[in-house]
């Protein structure tokens, strides 16, 4: 999701990232921050109010974590405990938007360095998406997951 955040900030700020880079004044930065804060407040409100229903739209990105949070929320003794968990999760989703809005100028410079690797990264990401899609369609996702853990044991220590 993080590579899409600058595009959202650009859209919310009402300006292209190129224009923001040419005009990195504090007024533009504050405008991007305020508009991004409204975006975060909007999706957080809907996310907290609708929980699982809103998460279906973002399932490829947040499915496993959302599933765990909704399971723990359902086991809470009070509704407020579940709401607090969903609010914390919504905040975790919103922080990259706010940070990207604040550091848009600096972020563009860093993304420029990745541009030379762009084609290779797109091909690798496409291959991974196709592999995951095939694993899901054929019912081999669990087998694929175990193969990944056996082949790359460091993945088991992430998270």
Protein backbone atom coordinates (compact mmCIF):
# COMPACT_ATOMS: atom_id res chain seq x y z
CA UNK A 1 0.00 0.00 0.00
CA UNK A 2 2.82 2.39 0.75
CA UNK A 3 3.80 2.98 -2.92
CA UNK A 4 0.23 4.18 -3.54
CA UNK A 5 0.32 6.67 -0.68
CA UNK A 6 2.12 9.46 -2.63
CA UNK A 7 -0.50 9.18 -5.38
CA UNK A 8 -3.28 9.56 -2.81
CA UNK A 9 -1.52 12.55 -1.25
CA UNK A 10 -1.13 14.12 -4.68
CA UNK A 11 -4.82 13.58 -5.40
CA UNK A 12 -5.95 14.83 -2.00
CA UNK A 13 -3.63 17.84 -2.14
CA UNK A 14 -5.07 18.78 -5.52
CA UNK A 15 -1.66 19.07 -7.16
CA UNK A 16 0.77 16.84 -8.98
CA UNK A 17 3.80 15.52 -7.14
CA UNK A 18 5.99 17.34 -9.67
CA UNK A 19 4.34 20.68 -8.81
CA UNK A 20 4.73 19.99 -5.09
CA UNK A 21 8.42 19.27 -5.63
CA UNK A 22 8.88 22.57 -7.46
CA UNK A 23 6.96 24.49 -4.76
CA UNK A 24 7.76 22.86 -1.40
CA UNK A 25 6.63 25.86 0.68
CA UNK A 26 5.03 25.47 4.08
CA UNK A 27 1.58 26.55 2.82
CA UNK A 28 1.47 23.67 0.32
CA UNK A 29 2.70 21.27 2.99
CA UNK A 30 0.07 22.39 5.49
CA UNK A 31 -2.65 22.16 2.85
CA UNK A 32 -1.60 18.59 1.98
CA UNK A 33 -1.51 17.68 5.68
CA UNK A 34 -4.98 19.10 6.40
CA UNK A 35 -6.56 17.44 3.39
CA UNK A 36 -4.83 14.15 4.20
CA UNK A 37 -6.07 14.40 7.77
CA UNK A 38 -9.63 14.70 6.45
CA UNK A 39 -9.06 11.64 4.25
CA UNK A 40 -7.74 9.66 7.22
CA UNK A 41 -10.59 10.84 9.45
CA UNK A 42 -13.10 9.84 6.78
CA UNK A 43 -11.85 6.33 6.15
CA UNK A 44 -11.20 5.80 9.87
CA UNK A 45 -14.79 6.73 10.71
CA UNK A 46 -16.20 4.40 8.09
CA UNK A 47 -13.72 1.65 9.00
CA UNK A 48 -14.52 1.80 12.72
CA UNK A 49 -18.25 1.99 12.12
CA UNK A 50 -18.41 -0.83 9.56
CA UNK A 51 -15.36 -3.00 10.65
CA UNK A 52 -15.37 -6.13 8.49
CA UNK A 53 -17.74 -4.65 5.74
CA UNK A 54 -15.28 -1.80 4.92
CA UNK A 55 -12.27 -4.12 5.09
CA UNK A 56 -13.59 -6.32 2.27
CA UNK A 57 -12.60 -3.64 -0.23
CA UNK A 58 -9.00 -3.72 0.96
CA UNK A 59 -8.75 -7.44 1.61
CA UNK A 60 -5.67 -8.09 -0.59
CA UNK A 61 -3.69 -5.50 1.34
CA UNK A 62 -4.86 -5.99 4.90
CA UNK A 63 -6.74 -9.28 5.00
CA UNK A 64 -4.63 -11.29 7.47
CA UNK A 65 -4.13 -8.45 9.94
CA UNK A 66 -7.74 -7.33 9.67
CA UNK A 67 -8.94 -10.89 10.23
CA UNK A 68 -6.87 -11.16 13.39
CA UNK A 69 -8.09 -7.82 14.71
CA UNK A 70 -11.73 -8.64 13.98
CA UNK A 71 -11.34 -12.02 15.70
CA UNK A 72 -9.83 -10.43 18.79
CA UNK A 73 -12.49 -7.69 18.66
CA UNK A 74 -15.27 -10.27 18.59
CA UNK A 75 -13.79 -11.93 21.68
CA UNK A 76 -13.72 -8.66 23.66
CA UNK A 77 -16.07 -8.45 26.62
CA UNK A 78 -17.24 -4.98 25.57
CA UNK A 79 -17.93 -3.17 22.32
CA UNK A 80 -15.55 -0.40 23.34
CA UNK A 81 -12.62 -2.84 23.36
CA UNK A 82 -13.32 -3.83 19.76
CA UNK A 83 -13.80 -0.21 18.74
CA UNK A 84 -10.46 0.68 20.35
CA UNK A 85 -8.70 -2.08 18.41
CA UNK A 86 -10.26 -0.96 15.11
CA UNK A 87 -9.39 2.67 15.92
CA UNK A 88 -5.77 1.75 16.55
CA UNK A 89 -5.69 -0.18 13.29
CA UNK A 90 -7.25 2.74 11.39
CA UNK A 91 -4.63 5.02 12.91
CA UNK A 92 -1.92 2.63 11.71
CA UNK A 93 -3.35 2.84 8.21
CA UNK A 94 -3.58 6.63 8.38
CA UNK A 95 -0.11 7.45 9.66
CA UNK A 96 1.62 6.72 6.30
CA UNK A 97 -0.81 9.11 4.58
CA UNK A 98 -0.06 11.88 7.05
CA UNK A 99 3.69 11.33 6.99
CA UNK A 100 3.73 11.24 3.20
CA UNK A 101 1.77 14.49 3.07
CA UNK A 102 4.23 16.13 5.44
CA UNK A 103 7.36 14.84 3.71
CA UNK A 104 6.08 14.94 0.12
CA UNK A 105 9.05 16.92 -1.21
CA UNK A 106 11.59 14.66 0.43
CA UNK A 107 9.64 11.54 -0.54
CA UNK A 108 9.73 12.48 -4.21
CA UNK A 109 13.53 12.67 -4.09
CA UNK A 110 13.74 9.20 -2.57
CA UNK A 111 11.26 7.71 -5.04
CA UNK A 112 13.31 9.16 -7.90
CA UNK A 113 16.20 6.92 -6.85
CA UNK A 114 13.93 3.87 -7.17
CA UNK A 115 12.81 4.87 -10.66
CA UNK A 116 15.82 3.18 -12.25
CA UNK A 117 14.75 -0.09 -10.66
CA UNK A 118 11.10 0.46 -11.56
CA UNK A 119 10.78 -1.94 -14.48
CA UNK A 120 12.54 -4.75 -12.62
CA UNK A 121 10.40 -4.16 -9.51
CA UNK A 122 7.20 -4.16 -11.61
CA UNK A 123 8.13 -7.48 -13.23
CA UNK A 124 9.01 -9.03 -9.85
CA UNK A 125 5.79 -7.75 -8.24
CA UNK A 126 3.76 -9.03 -11.20
CA UNK A 127 5.34 -12.46 -10.94
CA UNK A 128 4.59 -12.59 -7.22
CA UNK A 129 0.96 -11.56 -7.80
CA UNK A 130 0.51 -14.20 -10.51
CA UNK A 131 2.09 -16.86 -8.29
CA UNK A 132 -0.13 -15.93 -5.35
CA UNK A 133 -3.22 -15.87 -7.58
CA UNK A 134 -2.43 -19.31 -8.97
CA UNK A 135 -1.80 -20.63 -5.46
CA UNK A 136 -5.16 -19.28 -4.29
CA UNK A 137 -7.09 -20.60 -7.30
CA UNK A 138 -5.54 -24.07 -7.09
CA UNK A 139 -5.91 -24.31 -3.30
CA UNK A 140 -2.15 -24.47 -2.81
CA UNK A 141 -1.70 -21.26 -0.84
CA UNK A 142 -0.91 -23.10 2.40
CA UNK A 143 1.55 -25.39 0.63
CA UNK A 144 3.16 -22.35 -0.99
CA UNK A 145 3.38 -20.65 2.42
CA UNK A 146 5.14 -23.65 3.96
CA UNK A 147 7.52 -23.81 0.98
CA UNK A 148 8.38 -20.13 1.45
CA UNK A 149 9.09 -20.67 5.16
CA UNK A 150 11.29 -23.70 4.44
CA UNK A 151 13.16 -21.94 1.64
CA UNK A 152 13.46 -18.57 3.38
CA UNK A 153 13.39 -19.24 7.16
CA UNK A 154 13.95 -15.53 7.93
CA UNK A 155 10.36 -14.90 6.80
CA UNK A 156 9.16 -16.75 9.88
CA UNK A 157 10.72 -14.11 12.11
CA UNK A 158 8.93 -11.17 10.48
CA UNK A 159 6.16 -9.70 12.60
